């Protein structure tokens, strides 16, 4: 009598169900980790631009408006912006250009970060 070795159909079904259960839990968590990473990128870009605005203000006593396409050209203290997918906008809020607000958001996220120089920086 010859005995064949291998897996039974039941064993294969159990392994496949365990793998599908693990992937059903892991994939949504992975997507949340990605979104949090994109949010961190948008927040860091806003912080870097705000720091460059403050450095510019220290030299020229005024802030300048910019967005993700021209902040690097207008603010010499910025290096490496913009991050891919980050929408960034800096606006002047006073006639004397002595205050500014900024916002940043990654295109895949619903979170928008706000900066207000007259209220202490990053807003909750």
C-alpha atoms as a PDB file:
ATOM      1  CA  UNK A   1       0.000   0.000   0.000  1.00  0.00           C
ATOM      2  CA  UNK A   2       1.327   3.344  -1.035  1.00  0.00           C
ATOM      3  CA  UNK A   3       0.692   6.323   1.197  1.00  0.00           C
ATOM      4  CA  UNK A   4       0.746   9.754  -0.454  1.00  0.00           C
ATOM      5  CA  UNK A   5       1.868  12.789   1.466  1.00  0.00           C
ATOM      6  CA  UNK A   6       0.567  16.328   1.149  1.00  0.00           C
ATOM      7  CA  UNK A   7      -2.064  18.639   2.507  1.00  0.00           C
ATOM      8  CA  UNK A   8      -5.708  17.869   2.663  1.00  0.00           C
ATOM      9  CA  UNK A   9      -8.325  20.179   1.254  1.00  0.00           C
ATOM     10  CA  UNK A  10      -9.475  21.106   4.758  1.00  0.00           C
ATOM     11  CA  UNK A  11      -5.960  22.102   5.807  1.00  0.00           C
ATOM     12  CA  UNK A  12      -5.572  24.307   2.737  1.00  0.00           C
ATOM     13  CA  UNK A  13      -8.935  25.996   3.371  1.00  0.00           C
ATOM     14  CA  UNK A  14      -8.005  26.700   7.000  1.00  0.00           C
ATOM     15  CA  UNK A  15      -4.678  28.265   5.971  1.00  0.00           C
ATOM     16  CA  UNK A  16      -6.371  30.365   3.274  1.00  0.00           C
ATOM     17  CA  UNK A  17      -9.007  31.602   5.721  1.00  0.00           C
ATOM     18  CA  UNK A  18      -6.328  32.576   8.272  1.00  0.00           C
ATOM     19  CA  UNK A  19      -4.387  34.502   5.621  1.00  0.00           C
ATOM     20  CA  UNK A  20      -7.498  36.314   4.412  1.00  0.00           C
ATOM     21  CA  UNK A  21      -8.443  37.232   7.989  1.00  0.00           C
ATOM     22  CA  UNK A  22      -4.975  38.640   8.669  1.00  0.00           C
ATOM     23  CA  UNK A  23      -4.971  40.644   5.441  1.00  0.00           C
ATOM     24  CA  UNK A  24      -8.458  42.021   6.184  1.00  0.00           C
ATOM     25  CA  UNK A  25      -7.069  43.459   9.422  1.00  0.00           C
ATOM     26  CA  UNK A  26      -3.664  44.576   8.117  1.00  0.00           C
ATOM     27  CA  UNK A  27      -4.626  46.458   4.937  1.00  0.00           C
ATOM     28  CA  UNK A  28      -6.843  49.127   6.601  1.00  0.00           C
ATOM     29  CA  UNK A  29      -4.190  49.687   9.260  1.00  0.00           C
ATOM     30  CA  UNK A  30      -1.555  50.139   6.580  1.00  0.00           C
ATOM     31  CA  UNK A  31      -3.709  52.757   4.841  1.00  0.00           C
ATOM     32  CA  UNK A  32      -4.085  54.674   8.117  1.00  0.00           C
ATOM     33  CA  UNK A  33      -0.298  54.624   8.615  1.00  0.00           C
ATOM     34  CA  UNK A  34       0.164  56.029   5.112  1.00  0.00           C
ATOM     35  CA  UNK A  35      -2.320  58.846   5.698  1.00  0.00           C
ATOM     36  CA  UNK A  36      -0.642  59.752   8.982  1.00  0.00           C
ATOM     37  CA  UNK A  37       2.679  59.905   7.145  1.00  0.00           C
ATOM     38  CA  UNK A  38       1.209  62.227   4.516  1.00  0.00           C
ATOM     39  CA  UNK A  39      -0.231  64.421   7.289  1.00  0.00           C
ATOM     40  CA  UNK A  40       3.176  64.599   8.961  1.00  0.00           C
ATOM     41  CA  UNK A  41       4.706  65.664   5.642  1.00  0.00           C
ATOM     42  CA  UNK A  42       2.135  68.480   5.223  1.00  0.00           C
ATOM     43  CA  UNK A  43       2.635  69.653   8.810  1.00  0.00           C
ATOM     44  CA  UNK A  44       6.431  69.668   8.439  1.00  0.00           C
ATOM     45  CA  UNK A  45       6.225  71.657   5.195  1.00  0.00           C
ATOM     46  CA  UNK A  46       4.009  74.267   6.856  1.00  0.00           C
ATOM     47  CA  UNK A  47       6.380  74.498   9.822  1.00  0.00           C
ATOM     48  CA  UNK A  48       9.396  74.921   7.503  1.00  0.00           C
ATOM     49  CA  UNK A  49       7.718  77.679   5.486  1.00  0.00           C
ATOM     50  CA  UNK A  50       6.617  79.469   8.667  1.00  0.00           C
ATOM     51  CA  UNK A  51      10.176  79.340   9.982  1.00  0.00           C
ATOM     52  CA  UNK A  52      11.458  80.759   6.677  1.00  0.00           C
ATOM     53  CA  UNK A  53       8.807  83.504   6.846  1.00  0.00           C
ATOM     54  CA  UNK A  54      10.019  84.441  10.335  1.00  0.00           C
ATOM     55  CA  UNK A  55      13.620  84.545   9.111  1.00  0.00           C
ATOM     56  CA  UNK A  56      12.546  86.762   6.198  1.00  0.00           C
ATOM     57  CA  UNK A  57      10.650  89.003   8.614  1.00  0.00           C
ATOM     58  CA  UNK A  58      13.747  89.331  10.799  1.00  0.00           C
ATOM     59  CA  UNK A  59      15.677  90.658   7.780  1.00  0.00           C
ATOM     60  CA  UNK A  60      13.042  92.762   5.977  1.00  0.00           C
ATOM     61  CA  UNK A  61      10.303  93.385   8.600  1.00  0.00           C
ATOM     62  CA  UNK A  62       7.526  92.012   6.412  1.00  0.00           C
ATOM     63  CA  UNK A  63       6.054  88.674   5.407  1.00  0.00           C
ATOM     64  CA  UNK A  64       5.461  87.651   1.812  1.00  0.00           C
ATOM     65  CA  UNK A  65       2.632  85.519   0.399  1.00  0.00           C
ATOM     66  CA  UNK A  66       3.510  82.326  -1.429  1.00  0.00           C
ATOM     67  CA  UNK A  67       2.254  78.864  -2.343  1.00  0.00           C
ATOM     68  CA  UNK A  68       3.800  75.466  -3.051  1.00  0.00           C
ATOM     69  CA  UNK A  69       5.054  76.545  -6.476  1.00  0.00           C
ATOM     70  CA  UNK A  70       6.908  79.736  -5.520  1.00  0.00           C
ATOM     71  CA  UNK A  71       7.819  79.582  -1.805  1.00  0.00           C
ATOM     72  CA  UNK A  72      11.291  78.217  -2.551  1.00  0.00           C
ATOM     73  CA  UNK A  73      12.035  81.071  -4.961  1.00  0.00           C
ATOM     74  CA  UNK A  74      10.670  83.798  -2.659  1.00  0.00           C
ATOM     75  CA  UNK A  75      12.035  82.567   0.668  1.00  0.00           C
ATOM     76  CA  UNK A  76      15.752  81.754   0.480  1.00  0.00           C
ATOM     77  CA  UNK A  77      15.791  79.905   3.832  1.00  0.00           C
ATOM     78  CA  UNK A  78      13.617  77.059   2.463  1.00  0.00           C
ATOM     79  CA  UNK A  79      15.312  73.951   1.172  1.00  0.00           C
ATOM     80  CA  UNK A  80      13.616  70.866  -0.253  1.00  0.00           C
ATOM     81  CA  UNK A  81      10.044  72.089  -0.598  1.00  0.00           C
ATOM     82  CA  UNK A  82       7.438  71.288  -1.610  1.00  0.00           C
ATOM     83  CA  UNK A  83       6.873  67.693  -0.661  1.00  0.00           C
ATOM     84  CA  UNK A  84       5.074  65.658  -3.286  1.00  0.00           C
ATOM     85  CA  UNK A  85       1.296  66.022  -2.955  1.00  0.00           C
ATOM     86  CA  UNK A  86       1.304  68.841  -0.385  1.00  0.00           C
ATOM     87  CA  UNK A  87      -0.858  71.870  -1.101  1.00  0.00           C
ATOM     88  CA  UNK A  88       0.554  74.914   0.676  1.00  0.00           C
ATOM     89  CA  UNK A  89      -0.682  78.495   0.862  1.00  0.00           C
ATOM     90  CA  UNK A  90       0.705  81.492   2.798  1.00  0.00           C
ATOM     91  CA  UNK A  91      -1.374  84.683   2.948  1.00  0.00           C
ATOM     92  CA  UNK A  92      -0.754  88.098   4.451  1.00  0.00           C
ATOM     93  CA  UNK A  93      -3.423  89.120   6.984  1.00  0.00           C
ATOM     94  CA  UNK A  94      -2.551  92.768   7.619  1.00  0.00           C
ATOM     95  CA  UNK A  95      -2.041  95.825   5.445  1.00  0.00           C
ATOM     96  CA  UNK A  96       1.480  96.311   6.810  1.00  0.00           C
ATOM     97  CA  UNK A  97       2.463  92.658   6.090  1.00  0.00           C
ATOM     98  CA  UNK A  98       3.213  92.134   9.760  1.00  0.00           C
ATOM     99  CA  UNK A  99       1.094  88.968  10.164  1.00  0.00           C
ATOM    100  CA  UNK A 100       0.526  85.900   8.042  1.00  0.00           C
ATOM    101  CA  UNK A 101      -1.586  82.777   7.965  1.00  0.00           C
ATOM    102  CA  UNK A 102      -0.719  79.529   6.307  1.00  0.00           C
ATOM    103  CA  UNK A 103      -2.392  76.270   5.482  1.00  0.00           C
ATOM    104  CA  UNK A 104      -1.141  72.948   4.237  1.00  0.00           C
ATOM    105  CA  UNK A 105      -2.856  69.728   3.283  1.00  0.00           C
ATOM    106  CA  UNK A 106      -1.871  66.559   1.508  1.00  0.00           C
ATOM    107  CA  UNK A 107      -4.087  65.705  -1.454  1.00  0.00           C
ATOM    108  CA  UNK A 108      -4.938  62.245  -0.062  1.00  0.00           C
ATOM    109  CA  UNK A 109      -5.912  63.480   3.400  1.00  0.00           C
ATOM    110  CA  UNK A 110      -8.879  65.369   4.815  1.00  0.00           C
ATOM    111  CA  UNK A 111      -6.753  67.108   7.484  1.00  0.00           C
ATOM    112  CA  UNK A 112      -5.718  70.736   6.947  1.00  0.00           C
ATOM    113  CA  UNK A 113      -3.054  72.301   9.129  1.00  0.00           C
ATOM    114  CA  UNK A 114      -3.327  76.011   9.914  1.00  0.00           C
ATOM    115  CA  UNK A 115      -0.662  78.493  11.004  1.00  0.00           C
ATOM    116  CA  UNK A 116      -1.432  81.975  12.338  1.00  0.00           C
ATOM    117  CA  UNK A 117       1.532  84.181  13.207  1.00  0.00           C
ATOM    118  CA  UNK A 118      -0.618  86.548  15.278  1.00  0.00           C
ATOM    119  CA  UNK A 119      -1.956  83.703  17.454  1.00  0.00           C
ATOM    120  CA  UNK A 120       1.241  81.851  18.254  1.00  0.00           C
ATOM    121  CA  UNK A 121       1.833  79.577  15.291  1.00  0.00           C
ATOM    122  CA  UNK A 122       0.306  76.164  14.604  1.00  0.00           C
ATOM    123  CA  UNK A 123      -3.386  76.146  15.403  1.00  0.00           C
ATOM    124  CA  UNK A 124      -5.155  73.131  16.893  1.00  0.00           C
END
